[in-house]
Amino acid sequence: MKQIERIRQMEQLLDKVSATVAELSEALDKYEEVQEAIATLNAYYGSDEWKQDFADDEKGLLPSDLKRGVLSEDGLWNVLVDCWEMERRLKERGNASEG
């Protein structure tokens, strides 16, 4: 019985790892696709254009129905920090697998 149980357990682990690796691979593909967008948002945040857009929003000069999450300092900052943290984690994992 021990052998059968071990094989079943290993098969469950194989299925779990296979599914997770496939999901991670897909997520990494998507993340690689948005690298240019991340760089653009990073350059925009705190730029003169962003400051002008923010000021105009504060003055009520932008349409009320305009989606403006990008003008939320915290919202944009948090997304950029999440990206930096993801990069740190990926580099850390890469360094761990090399050593």
N, C-alpha and C. Protein backbone atom coordinates (compact mmCIF):
# COMPACT_ATOMS: atom_id res chain seq x y z
N MET A 1 0.81 -1.20 0.00
CA MET A 1 0.00 0.00 0.00
C MET A 1 0.86 1.26 0.00
N LYS A 2 1.96 1.26 0.71
CA LYS A 2 2.80 2.44 0.79
C LYS A 2 3.24 2.90 -0.60
N GLN A 3 3.60 1.96 -1.44
CA GLN A 3 4.06 2.29 -2.78
C GLN A 3 2.95 2.97 -3.58
N ILE A 4 1.76 2.42 -3.54
CA ILE A 4 0.61 2.97 -4.26
C ILE A 4 0.30 4.37 -3.75
N GLU A 5 0.29 4.55 -2.42
CA GLU A 5 0.03 5.86 -1.83
C GLU A 5 1.10 6.87 -2.25
N ARG A 6 2.34 6.45 -2.26
CA ARG A 6 3.43 7.33 -2.66
C ARG A 6 3.26 7.77 -4.11
N ILE A 7 2.95 6.83 -4.97
CA ILE A 7 2.77 7.15 -6.40
C ILE A 7 1.60 8.10 -6.58
N ARG A 8 0.51 7.86 -5.87
CA ARG A 8 -0.65 8.77 -5.96
C ARG A 8 -0.28 10.17 -5.48
N GLN A 9 0.45 10.22 -4.37
CA GLN A 9 0.86 11.51 -3.82
C GLN A 9 1.77 12.24 -4.82
N MET A 10 2.72 11.53 -5.40
CA MET A 10 3.63 12.14 -6.36
C MET A 10 2.88 12.60 -7.61
N GLU A 11 1.88 11.83 -8.01
CA GLU A 11 1.07 12.20 -9.18
C GLU A 11 0.29 13.48 -8.90
N GLN A 12 -0.25 13.62 -7.69
CA GLN A 12 -0.95 14.85 -7.31
C GLN A 12 0.00 16.04 -7.33
N LEU A 13 1.21 15.83 -6.81
CA LEU A 13 2.20 16.91 -6.83
C LEU A 13 2.58 17.28 -8.26
N LEU A 14 2.75 16.29 -9.11
CA LEU A 14 3.07 16.54 -10.51
C LEU A 14 1.97 17.36 -11.18
N ASP A 15 0.72 16.99 -10.96
CA ASP A 15 -0.41 17.72 -11.54
C ASP A 15 -0.43 19.17 -11.05
N LYS A 16 -0.22 19.34 -9.75
CA LYS A 16 -0.24 20.69 -9.16
C LYS A 16 0.88 21.55 -9.72
N VAL A 17 2.09 21.00 -9.77
CA VAL A 17 3.23 21.75 -10.28
C VAL A 17 3.05 22.06 -11.76
N SER A 18 2.60 21.09 -12.54
CA SER A 18 2.38 21.30 -13.98
C SER A 18 1.40 22.44 -14.22
N ALA A 19 0.27 22.43 -13.53
CA ALA A 19 -0.74 23.46 -13.70
C ALA A 19 -0.20 24.83 -13.28
N THR A 20 0.51 24.86 -12.16
CA THR A 20 1.03 26.13 -11.66
C THR A 20 2.09 26.70 -12.59
N VAL A 21 2.98 25.87 -13.10
CA VAL A 21 4.01 26.32 -14.03
C VAL A 21 3.37 26.86 -15.31
N ALA A 22 2.34 26.20 -15.80
CA ALA A 22 1.64 26.67 -17.00
C ALA A 22 1.00 28.04 -16.75
N GLU A 23 0.37 28.20 -15.60
CA GLU A 23 -0.25 29.49 -15.24
C GLU A 23 0.81 30.58 -15.11
N LEU A 24 1.92 30.26 -14.47
CA LEU A 24 2.99 31.24 -14.29
C LEU A 24 3.60 31.62 -15.63
N SER A 25 3.79 30.67 -16.50
CA SER A 25 4.34 30.94 -17.82
C SER A 25 3.44 31.90 -18.59
N GLU A 26 2.14 31.65 -18.53
CA GLU A 26 1.17 32.53 -19.20
C GLU A 26 1.21 33.93 -18.59
N ALA A 27 1.27 34.00 -17.26
CA ALA A 27 1.33 35.30 -16.58
C ALA A 27 2.61 36.04 -16.94
N LEU A 28 3.73 35.34 -17.01
CA LEU A 28 4.99 35.98 -17.38
C LEU A 28 4.95 36.49 -18.83
N ASP A 29 4.32 35.72 -19.71
CA ASP A 29 4.15 36.19 -21.09
C ASP A 29 3.37 37.51 -21.11
N LYS A 30 2.29 37.57 -20.36
CA LYS A 30 1.48 38.79 -20.29
C LYS A 30 2.28 39.94 -19.69
N TYR A 31 3.05 39.65 -18.65
CA TYR A 31 3.86 40.68 -18.00
C TYR A 31 4.92 41.23 -18.96
N GLU A 32 5.53 40.34 -19.74
CA GLU A 32 6.52 40.78 -20.73
C GLU A 32 5.87 41.68 -21.78
N GLU A 33 4.63 41.39 -22.13
CA GLU A 33 3.91 42.17 -23.13
C GLU A 33 3.61 43.60 -22.67
N VAL A 34 3.55 43.84 -21.36
CA VAL A 34 3.22 45.18 -20.86
C VAL A 34 4.44 45.97 -20.39
N GLN A 35 5.64 45.48 -20.69
CA GLN A 35 6.84 46.19 -20.25
C GLN A 35 6.92 47.61 -20.81
N GLU A 36 6.56 47.78 -22.06
CA GLU A 36 6.58 49.11 -22.66
C GLU A 36 5.55 50.01 -21.99
N ALA A 37 4.39 49.46 -21.67
CA ALA A 37 3.34 50.23 -20.99
C ALA A 37 3.81 50.64 -19.60
N ILE A 38 4.50 49.75 -18.91
CA ILE A 38 5.03 50.07 -17.57
C ILE A 38 6.04 51.21 -17.67
N ALA A 39 6.93 51.13 -18.65
CA ALA A 39 7.93 52.18 -18.84
C ALA A 39 7.26 53.52 -19.17
N THR A 40 6.21 53.48 -19.97
CA THR A 40 5.48 54.70 -20.33
C THR A 40 4.81 55.31 -19.10
N LEU A 41 4.15 54.47 -18.30
CA LEU A 41 3.52 54.96 -17.07
C LEU A 41 4.55 55.50 -16.09
N ASN A 42 5.68 54.84 -15.99
CA ASN A 42 6.75 55.28 -15.09
C ASN A 42 7.25 56.66 -15.51
N ALA A 43 7.43 56.88 -16.82
CA ALA A 43 7.89 58.17 -17.32
C ALA A 43 6.82 59.25 -17.12
N TYR A 44 5.56 58.88 -17.27
CA TYR A 44 4.45 59.83 -17.13
C TYR A 44 4.29 60.29 -15.68
N TYR A 45 4.42 59.35 -14.75
CA TYR A 45 4.21 59.66 -13.33
C TYR A 45 5.22 60.70 -12.86
N GLY A 46 4.74 61.81 -12.38
CA GLY A 46 5.61 62.87 -11.87
C GLY A 46 6.16 63.78 -12.95
N SER A 47 5.83 63.50 -14.22
CA SER A 47 6.31 64.35 -15.32
C SER A 47 5.53 65.67 -15.31
N ASP A 48 6.02 66.62 -16.10
CA ASP A 48 5.30 67.89 -16.23
C ASP A 48 3.91 67.67 -16.80
N GLU A 49 3.79 66.72 -17.75
CA GLU A 49 2.47 66.41 -18.32
C GLU A 49 1.54 65.88 -17.25
N TRP A 50 2.03 64.96 -16.43
CA TRP A 50 1.18 64.41 -15.37
C TRP A 50 0.76 65.51 -14.40
N LYS A 51 1.70 66.35 -14.03
CA LYS A 51 1.39 67.45 -13.10
C LYS A 51 0.33 68.37 -13.68
N GLN A 52 0.44 68.66 -14.98
CA GLN A 52 -0.56 69.52 -15.64
C GLN A 52 -1.91 68.82 -15.68
N ASP A 53 -1.91 67.54 -16.04
CA ASP A 53 -3.16 66.77 -16.08
C ASP A 53 -3.80 66.73 -14.70
N PHE A 54 -3.00 66.52 -13.67
CA PHE A 54 -3.49 66.47 -12.30
C PHE A 54 -4.08 67.82 -11.90
N ALA A 55 -3.35 68.90 -12.20
CA ALA A 55 -3.82 70.25 -11.85
C ALA A 55 -5.13 70.57 -12.58
N ASP A 56 -5.21 70.23 -13.86
CA ASP A 56 -6.43 70.48 -14.62
C ASP A 56 -7.59 69.68 -14.06
N ASP A 57 -7.33 68.47 -13.61
CA ASP A 57 -8.38 67.67 -12.98
C ASP A 57 -8.85 68.33 -11.69
N GLU A 58 -7.90 68.78 -10.89
CA GLU A 58 -8.24 69.46 -9.63
C GLU A 58 -9.08 70.71 -9.88
N LYS A 59 -8.84 71.39 -10.97
CA LYS A 59 -9.59 72.61 -11.33
C LYS A 59 -10.94 72.29 -11.97
N GLY A 60 -11.21 71.03 -12.23
CA GLY A 60 -12.46 70.63 -12.85
C GLY A 60 -12.50 70.87 -14.34
N LEU A 61 -11.34 70.92 -14.97
CA LEU A 61 -11.27 71.20 -16.40
C LEU A 61 -11.42 69.96 -17.28
N LEU A 62 -11.39 68.81 -16.68
CA LEU A 62 -11.52 67.57 -17.44
C LEU A 62 -12.96 67.07 -17.39
N PRO A 63 -13.40 66.36 -18.43
CA PRO A 63 -14.77 65.84 -18.44
C PRO A 63 -15.06 64.98 -17.21
N SER A 64 -16.24 65.13 -16.66
CA SER A 64 -16.59 64.41 -15.43
C SER A 64 -16.67 62.90 -15.65
N ASP A 65 -16.94 62.48 -16.87
CA ASP A 65 -17.06 61.05 -17.14
C ASP A 65 -15.73 60.41 -17.58
N LEU A 66 -14.64 61.18 -17.55
CA LEU A 66 -13.33 60.67 -17.93
C LEU A 66 -12.75 59.79 -16.83
N LYS A 67 -12.40 58.58 -17.19
CA LYS A 67 -11.74 57.70 -16.22
C LYS A 67 -10.38 58.30 -15.93
N ARG A 68 -10.04 58.47 -14.63
CA ARG A 68 -8.84 59.20 -14.27
C ARG A 68 -8.02 58.55 -13.18
N GLY A 69 -8.06 57.22 -13.12
CA GLY A 69 -7.27 56.52 -12.12
C GLY A 69 -5.79 56.82 -12.22
N VAL A 70 -5.33 57.12 -13.43
CA VAL A 70 -3.92 57.44 -13.64
C VAL A 70 -3.53 58.75 -12.95
N LEU A 71 -4.50 59.56 -12.62
CA LEU A 71 -4.22 60.82 -11.93
C LEU A 71 -4.25 60.67 -10.42
N SER A 72 -4.60 59.49 -9.97
CA SER A 72 -4.56 59.20 -8.54
C SER A 72 -3.11 58.87 -8.19
N GLU A 73 -2.50 59.72 -7.39
CA GLU A 73 -1.09 59.49 -7.02
C GLU A 73 -0.89 58.10 -6.45
N ASP A 74 -1.73 57.70 -5.52
CA ASP A 74 -1.58 56.41 -4.87
C ASP A 74 -1.82 55.25 -5.83
N GLY A 75 -2.83 55.37 -6.67
CA GLY A 75 -3.16 54.29 -7.59
C GLY A 75 -2.02 53.99 -8.55
N LEU A 76 -1.50 55.02 -9.19
CA LEU A 76 -0.41 54.83 -10.14
C LEU A 76 0.86 54.40 -9.42
N TRP A 77 1.15 55.05 -8.31
CA TRP A 77 2.35 54.69 -7.53
C TRP A 77 2.29 53.23 -7.10
N ASN A 78 1.13 52.80 -6.60
CA ASN A 78 1.00 51.42 -6.12
C ASN A 78 1.22 50.41 -7.24
N VAL A 79 0.72 50.69 -8.43
CA VAL A 79 0.93 49.77 -9.56
C VAL A 79 2.41 49.72 -9.91
N LEU A 80 3.07 50.86 -9.93
CA LEU A 80 4.50 50.89 -10.25
C LEU A 80 5.31 50.16 -9.18
N VAL A 81 4.96 50.35 -7.92
CA VAL A 81 5.66 49.64 -6.84
C VAL A 81 5.43 48.13 -6.97
N ASP A 82 4.21 47.74 -7.32
CA ASP A 82 3.93 46.31 -7.54
C ASP A 82 4.82 45.75 -8.66
N CYS A 83 5.02 46.54 -9.71
CA CYS A 83 5.88 46.10 -10.81
C CYS A 83 7.33 45.97 -10.34
N TRP A 84 7.81 46.95 -9.60
CA TRP A 84 9.19 46.90 -9.08
C TRP A 84 9.37 45.70 -8.16
N GLU A 85 8.35 45.45 -7.33
CA GLU A 85 8.41 44.31 -6.41
C GLU A 85 8.42 42.99 -7.20
N MET A 86 7.64 42.92 -8.26
CA MET A 86 7.63 41.72 -9.10
C MET A 86 9.01 41.50 -9.71
N GLU A 87 9.61 42.57 -10.21
CA GLU A 87 10.96 42.47 -10.78
C GLU A 87 11.96 41.99 -9.73
N ARG A 88 11.85 42.52 -8.52
CA ARG A 88 12.75 42.12 -7.44
C ARG A 88 12.59 40.63 -7.15
N ARG A 89 11.34 40.18 -7.08
CA ARG A 89 11.08 38.77 -6.79
C ARG A 89 11.62 37.87 -7.90
N LEU A 90 11.42 38.29 -9.14
CA LEU A 90 11.91 37.49 -10.26
C LEU A 90 13.44 37.41 -10.24
N LYS A 91 14.09 38.54 -9.97
CA LYS A 91 15.55 38.54 -9.90
C LYS A 91 16.03 37.68 -8.74
N GLU A 92 15.34 37.80 -7.61
CA GLU A 92 15.71 37.02 -6.42
C GLU A 92 15.58 35.53 -6.72
N ARG A 93 14.52 35.13 -7.38
CA ARG A 93 14.32 33.72 -7.73
C ARG A 93 15.38 33.27 -8.72
N GLY A 94 15.71 34.16 -9.67
CA GLY A 94 16.75 33.84 -10.64
C GLY A 94 18.10 33.63 -9.97
N ASN A 95 18.42 34.50 -9.02
CA ASN A 95 19.68 34.36 -8.29
C ASN A 95 19.69 33.10 -7.44
N ALA A 96 18.55 32.76 -6.86
CA ALA A 96 18.47 31.56 -6.00
C ALA A 96 18.66 30.30 -6.84
N SER A 97 18.14 30.31 -8.07
CA SER A 97 18.26 29.10 -8.89
C SER A 97 19.68 28.96 -9.48
N GLU A 98 20.42 30.06 -9.55
CA GLU A 98 21.79 29.99 -10.06
C GLU A 98 22.75 29.44 -9.02
N GLY A 99 22.43 29.71 -7.76
CA GLY A 99 23.35 29.32 -6.68
C GLY A 99 23.10 27.99 -6.16
